[in-house]
Amino acid sequence: MKVKEDDEILVRDPNYVKYERLLLQAEAEGRIDGKYSCLVCGMHYREKAAAEACCRAAL
């Protein structure tokens, strides 16, 4: 937070959009609301093969 000198008002820092960008990327890749989900972690995918390969090392 910065203080505005003349009015002594706090000025909010700009928002960083990394979270929103990563969320949009996950939606575009089908990891959110995909039809198939990983049996271990529950992450969603559009393709069944991708869901099965997600946590293959844990199985």
PDB file of N, CA and C in Angstrom:
ATOM      1  N   MET A   1       0.836  -1.181   0.000  1.00  0.00           N
ATOM      2  CA  MET A   1       0.000   0.000   0.000  1.00  0.00           C
ATOM      3  C   MET A   1       0.876   1.239   0.000  1.00  0.00           C
ATOM      4  N   LYS A   2       0.445   2.211  -0.735  1.00  0.00           N
ATOM      5  CA  LYS A   2       1.149   3.482  -0.791  1.00  0.00           C
ATOM      6  C   LYS A   2       0.270   4.553  -0.155  1.00  0.00           C
ATOM      7  N   VAL A   3       0.909   5.577   0.357  1.00  0.00           N
ATOM      8  CA  VAL A   3       0.168   6.696   0.941  1.00  0.00           C
ATOM      9  C   VAL A   3       0.260   7.873  -0.006  1.00  0.00           C
ATOM     10  N   LYS A   4      -0.885   8.420  -0.333  1.00  0.00           N
ATOM     11  CA  LYS A   4      -0.926   9.605  -1.176  1.00  0.00           C
ATOM     12  C   LYS A   4      -0.516  10.793  -0.315  1.00  0.00           C
ATOM     13  N   GLU A   5       0.504  11.523  -0.733  1.00  0.00           N
ATOM     14  CA  GLU A   5       1.118  12.565   0.088  1.00  0.00           C
ATOM     15  C   GLU A   5       0.168  13.717   0.437  1.00  0.00           C
ATOM     16  N   ASP A   6      -0.558  14.228  -0.536  1.00  0.00           N
ATOM     17  CA  ASP A   6      -1.348  15.435  -0.289  1.00  0.00           C
ATOM     18  C   ASP A   6      -2.601  15.169   0.551  1.00  0.00           C
ATOM     19  N   ASP A   7      -3.243  14.014   0.410  1.00  0.00           N
ATOM     20  CA  ASP A   7      -4.477  13.746   1.143  1.00  0.00           C
ATOM     21  C   ASP A   7      -4.294  12.732   2.266  1.00  0.00           C
ATOM     22  N   GLU A   8      -3.111  12.127   2.346  1.00  0.00           N
ATOM     23  CA  GLU A   8      -2.815  11.081   3.313  1.00  0.00           C
ATOM     24  C   GLU A   8      -3.850   9.954   3.246  1.00  0.00           C
ATOM     25  N   ILE A   9      -4.094   9.504   2.032  1.00  0.00           N
ATOM     26  CA  ILE A   9      -5.032   8.418   1.772  1.00  0.00           C
ATOM     27  C   ILE A   9      -4.229   7.219   1.283  1.00  0.00           C
ATOM     28  N   LEU A  10      -4.598   6.048   1.758  1.00  0.00           N
ATOM     29  CA  LEU A  10      -3.946   4.847   1.280  1.00  0.00           C
ATOM     30  C   LEU A  10      -4.408   4.537  -0.133  1.00  0.00           C
ATOM     31  N   VAL A  11      -3.476   4.201  -0.998  1.00  0.00           N
ATOM     32  CA  VAL A  11      -3.779   3.852  -2.376  1.00  0.00           C
ATOM     33  C   VAL A  11      -3.456   2.375  -2.545  1.00  0.00           C
ATOM     34  N   ARG A  12      -4.421   1.625  -3.020  1.00  0.00           N
ATOM     35  CA  ARG A  12      -4.261   0.187  -3.169  1.00  0.00           C
ATOM     36  C   ARG A  12      -3.302  -0.144  -4.303  1.00  0.00           C
ATOM     37  N   ASP A  13      -2.469  -1.163  -4.097  1.00  0.00           N
ATOM     38  CA  ASP A  13      -1.560  -1.640  -5.126  1.00  0.00           C
ATOM     39  C   ASP A  13      -2.367  -2.270  -6.256  1.00  0.00           C
ATOM     40  N   PRO A  14      -1.823  -2.279  -7.462  1.00  0.00           N
ATOM     41  CA  PRO A  14      -2.545  -2.912  -8.579  1.00  0.00           C
ATOM     42  C   PRO A  14      -2.671  -4.413  -8.359  1.00  0.00           C
ATOM     43  N   ASN A  15      -3.769  -4.968  -8.826  1.00  0.00           N
ATOM     44  CA  ASN A  15      -3.979  -6.411  -8.719  1.00  0.00           C
ATOM     45  C   ASN A  15      -3.088  -7.132  -9.725  1.00  0.00           C
ATOM     46  N   TYR A  16      -2.566  -8.249  -9.293  1.00  0.00           N
ATOM     47  CA  TYR A  16      -1.782  -9.090 -10.186  1.00  0.00           C
ATOM     48  C   TYR A  16      -2.691 -10.220 -10.653  1.00  0.00           C
ATOM     49  N   VAL A  17      -2.672 -10.500 -11.906  1.00  0.00           N
ATOM     50  CA  VAL A  17      -3.659 -11.382 -12.503  1.00  0.00           C
ATOM     51  C   VAL A  17      -3.147 -12.804 -12.731  1.00  0.00           C
ATOM     52  N   LYS A  18      -2.106 -13.206 -12.025  1.00  0.00           N
ATOM     53  CA  LYS A  18      -1.554 -14.538 -12.238  1.00  0.00           C
ATOM     54  C   LYS A  18      -2.587 -15.621 -11.930  1.00  0.00           C
ATOM     55  N   TYR A  19      -3.329 -15.463 -10.837  1.00  0.00           N
ATOM     56  CA  TYR A  19      -4.333 -16.461 -10.478  1.00  0.00           C
ATOM     57  C   TYR A  19      -5.404 -16.563 -11.554  1.00  0.00           C
ATOM     58  N   GLU A  20      -5.909 -15.417 -12.009  1.00  0.00           N
ATOM     59  CA  GLU A  20      -6.946 -15.428 -13.026  1.00  0.00           C
ATOM     60  C   GLU A  20      -6.428 -16.025 -14.330  1.00  0.00           C
ATOM     61  N   ARG A  21      -5.167 -15.728 -14.678  1.00  0.00           N
ATOM     62  CA  ARG A  21      -4.577 -16.271 -15.901  1.00  0.00           C
ATOM     63  C   ARG A  21      -4.437 -17.787 -15.812  1.00  0.00           C
ATOM     64  N   LEU A  22      -3.974 -18.290 -14.665  1.00  0.00           N
ATOM     65  CA  LEU A  22      -3.838 -19.731 -14.485  1.00  0.00           C
ATOM     66  C   LEU A  22      -5.198 -20.422 -14.478  1.00  0.00           C
ATOM     67  N   LEU A  23      -6.204 -19.772 -13.915  1.00  0.00           N
ATOM     68  CA  LEU A  23      -7.545 -20.330 -13.899  1.00  0.00           C
ATOM     69  C   LEU A  23      -8.110 -20.438 -15.312  1.00  0.00           C
ATOM     70  N   LEU A  24      -7.933 -19.402 -16.117  1.00  0.00           N
ATOM     71  CA  LEU A  24      -8.398 -19.444 -17.502  1.00  0.00           C
ATOM     72  C   LEU A  24      -7.659 -20.513 -18.300  1.00  0.00           C
ATOM     73  N   GLN A  25      -6.355 -20.675 -18.032  1.00  0.00           N
ATOM     74  CA  GLN A  25      -5.580 -21.703 -18.718  1.00  0.00           C
ATOM     75  C   GLN A  25      -6.080 -23.096 -18.342  1.00  0.00           C
ATOM     76  N   ALA A  26      -6.383 -23.311 -17.074  1.00  0.00           N
ATOM     77  CA  ALA A  26      -6.888 -24.614 -16.627  1.00  0.00           C
ATOM     78  C   ALA A  26      -8.249 -24.917 -17.255  1.00  0.00           C
ATOM     79  N   GLU A  27      -9.095 -23.911 -17.356  1.00  0.00           N
ATOM     80  CA  GLU A  27     -10.396 -24.109 -17.999  1.00  0.00           C
ATOM     81  C   GLU A  27     -10.223 -24.443 -19.478  1.00  0.00           C
ATOM     82  N   ALA A  28      -9.311 -23.756 -20.149  1.00  0.00           N
ATOM     83  CA  ALA A  28      -9.089 -23.995 -21.573  1.00  0.00           C
ATOM     84  C   ALA A  28      -8.536 -25.399 -21.821  1.00  0.00           C
ATOM     85  N   GLU A  29      -7.728 -25.904 -20.895  1.00  0.00           N
ATOM     86  CA  GLU A  29      -7.155 -27.239 -21.039  1.00  0.00           C
ATOM     87  C   GLU A  29      -8.107 -28.331 -20.570  1.00  0.00           C
ATOM     88  N   GLY A  30      -9.242 -27.950 -20.020  1.00  0.00           N
ATOM     89  CA  GLY A  30     -10.228 -28.929 -19.592  1.00  0.00           C
ATOM     90  C   GLY A  30      -9.979 -29.496 -18.213  1.00  0.00           C
ATOM     91  N   ARG A  31      -9.092 -28.873 -17.442  1.00  0.00           N
ATOM     92  CA  ARG A  31      -8.808 -29.384 -16.101  1.00  0.00           C
ATOM     93  C   ARG A  31      -9.861 -28.955 -15.097  1.00  0.00           C
ATOM     94  N   ILE A  32     -10.762 -28.105 -15.503  1.00  0.00           N
ATOM     95  CA  ILE A  32     -11.888 -27.696 -14.661  1.00  0.00           C
ATOM     96  C   ILE A  32     -13.156 -28.034 -15.439  1.00  0.00           C
ATOM     97  N   ASP A  33     -14.054 -28.735 -14.812  1.00  0.00           N
ATOM     98  CA  ASP A  33     -15.319 -29.150 -15.431  1.00  0.00           C
ATOM     99  C   ASP A  33     -15.126 -30.083 -16.614  1.00  0.00           C
ATOM    100  N   GLY A  34     -14.023 -30.829 -16.632  1.00  0.00           N
ATOM    101  CA  GLY A  34     -13.834 -31.840 -17.668  1.00  0.00           C
ATOM    102  C   GLY A  34     -14.711 -33.048 -17.361  1.00  0.00           C
ATOM    103  N   LYS A  35     -14.940 -33.866 -18.356  1.00  0.00           N
ATOM    104  CA  LYS A  35     -15.831 -35.017 -18.206  1.00  0.00           C
ATOM    105  C   LYS A  35     -15.188 -36.137 -17.381  1.00  0.00           C
ATOM    106  N   TYR A  36     -13.870 -36.313 -17.510  1.00  0.00           N
ATOM    107  CA  TYR A  36     -13.169 -37.411 -16.829  1.00  0.00           C
ATOM    108  C   TYR A  36     -12.324 -36.858 -15.683  1.00  0.00           C
ATOM    109  N   SER A  37     -12.288 -37.591 -14.568  1.00  0.00           N
ATOM    110  CA  SER A  37     -11.482 -37.140 -13.433  1.00  0.00           C
ATOM    111  C   SER A  37     -10.472 -38.202 -13.038  1.00  0.00           C
ATOM    112  N   CYS A  38      -9.355 -37.746 -12.487  1.00  0.00           N
ATOM    113  CA  CYS A  38      -8.311 -38.638 -11.994  1.00  0.00           C
ATOM    114  C   CYS A  38      -8.833 -39.344 -10.744  1.00  0.00           C
ATOM    115  N   LEU A  39      -8.569 -40.631 -10.634  1.00  0.00           N
ATOM    116  CA  LEU A  39      -9.061 -41.396  -9.486  1.00  0.00           C
ATOM    117  C   LEU A  39      -8.299 -41.082  -8.206  1.00  0.00           C
ATOM    118  N   VAL A  40      -7.092 -40.536  -8.318  1.00  0.00           N
ATOM    119  CA  VAL A  40      -6.273 -40.254  -7.142  1.00  0.00           C
ATOM    120  C   VAL A  40      -6.505 -38.836  -6.612  1.00  0.00           C
ATOM    121  N   CYS A  41      -6.303 -37.834  -7.463  1.00  0.00           N
ATOM    122  CA  CYS A  41      -6.380 -36.444  -6.987  1.00  0.00           C
ATOM    123  C   CYS A  41      -7.693 -35.757  -7.331  1.00  0.00           C
ATOM    124  N   GLY A  42      -8.458 -36.293  -8.291  1.00  0.00           N
ATOM    125  CA  GLY A  42      -9.751 -35.711  -8.635  1.00  0.00           C
ATOM    126  C   GLY A  42      -9.709 -34.610  -9.673  1.00  0.00           C
ATOM    127  N   MET A  43      -8.533 -34.312 -10.239  1.00  0.00           N
ATOM    128  CA  MET A  43      -8.453 -33.276 -11.257  1.00  0.00           C
ATOM    129  C   MET A  43      -9.207 -33.732 -12.498  1.00  0.00           C
ATOM    130  N   HIS A  44      -9.929 -32.821 -13.121  1.00  0.00           N
ATOM    131  CA  HIS A  44     -10.760 -33.150 -14.277  1.00  0.00           C
ATOM    132  C   HIS A  44     -10.015 -32.930 -15.584  1.00  0.00           C
ATOM    133  N   TYR A  45     -10.326 -33.767 -16.560  1.00  0.00           N
ATOM    134  CA  TYR A  45      -9.729 -33.698 -17.894  1.00  0.00           C
ATOM    135  C   TYR A  45     -10.794 -33.941 -18.940  1.00  0.00           C
ATOM    136  N   ARG A  46     -10.521 -33.476 -20.156  1.00  0.00           N
ATOM    137  CA  ARG A  46     -11.451 -33.706 -21.268  1.00  0.00           C
ATOM    138  C   ARG A  46     -11.306 -35.108 -21.831  1.00  0.00           C
ATOM    139  N   GLU A  47     -10.068 -35.640 -21.835  1.00  0.00           N
ATOM    140  CA  GLU A  47      -9.824 -36.969 -22.381  1.00  0.00           C
ATOM    141  C   GLU A  47      -9.625 -37.975 -21.258  1.00  0.00           C
ATOM    142  N   LYS A  48     -10.124 -39.175 -21.471  1.00  0.00           N
ATOM    143  CA  LYS A  48     -10.003 -40.247 -20.479  1.00  0.00           C
ATOM    144  C   LYS A  48      -8.543 -40.646 -20.279  1.00  0.00           C
ATOM    145  N   ALA A  49      -7.770 -40.674 -21.362  1.00  0.00           N
ATOM    146  CA  ALA A  49      -6.356 -41.063 -21.274  1.00  0.00           C
ATOM    147  C   ALA A  49      -5.564 -40.081 -20.413  1.00  0.00           C
ATOM    148  N   ALA A  50      -5.875 -38.799 -20.515  1.00  0.00           N
ATOM    149  CA  ALA A  50      -5.178 -37.798 -19.706  1.00  0.00           C
ATOM    150  C   ALA A  50      -5.516 -37.962 -18.229  1.00  0.00           C
ATOM    151  N   ALA A  51      -6.757 -38.295 -17.926  1.00  0.00           N
ATOM    152  CA  ALA A  51      -7.163 -38.512 -16.531  1.00  0.00           C
ATOM    153  C   ALA A  51      -6.482 -39.743 -15.955  1.00  0.00           C
ATOM    154  N   GLU A  52      -6.351 -40.790 -16.763  1.00  0.00           N
ATOM    155  CA  GLU A  52      -5.701 -42.010 -16.297  1.00  0.00           C
ATOM    156  C   GLU A  52      -4.198 -41.819 -16.122  1.00  0.00           C
ATOM    157  N   ALA A  53      -3.591 -40.943 -16.902  1.00  0.00           N
ATOM    158  CA  ALA A  53      -2.145 -40.710 -16.829  1.00  0.00           C
ATOM    159  C   ALA A  53      -1.765 -39.674 -15.770  1.00  0.00           C
ATOM    160  N   CYS A  54      -2.729 -39.003 -15.177  1.00  0.00           N
ATOM    161  CA  CYS A  54      -2.445 -37.903 -14.246  1.00  0.00           C
ATOM    162  C   CYS A  54      -1.563 -38.351 -13.085  1.00  0.00           C
ATOM    163  N   CYS A  55      -1.984 -39.275 -12.289  1.00  0.00           N
ATOM    164  CA  CYS A  55      -1.242 -39.725 -11.117  1.00  0.00           C
ATOM    165  C   CYS A  55      -0.803 -41.184 -11.281  1.00  0.00           C
ATOM    166  N   ARG A  56      -0.371 -41.536 -12.462  1.00  0.00           N
ATOM    167  CA  ARG A  56       0.017 -42.910 -12.758  1.00  0.00           C
ATOM    168  C   ARG A  56       1.126 -43.394 -11.820  1.00  0.00           C
ATOM    169  N   ALA A  57       2.051 -42.525 -11.423  1.00  0.00           N
ATOM    170  CA  ALA A  57       3.149 -42.914 -10.545  1.00  0.00           C
ATOM    171  C   ALA A  57       2.630 -43.291  -9.157  1.00  0.00           C
ATOM    172  N   ALA A  58       1.542 -42.687  -8.729  1.00  0.00           N
ATOM    173  CA  ALA A  58       0.992 -42.973  -7.403  1.00  0.00           C
ATOM    174  C   ALA A  58       0.257 -44.306  -7.382  1.00  0.00           C
ATOM    175  N   LEU A  59      -0.205 -44.754  -8.530  1.00  0.00           N
ATOM    176  CA  LEU A  59      -0.922 -46.026  -8.593  1.00  0.00           C
ATOM    177  C   LEU A  59       0.065 -47.127  -8.679  1.00  0.00           C
TER     178      LEU A  59
END
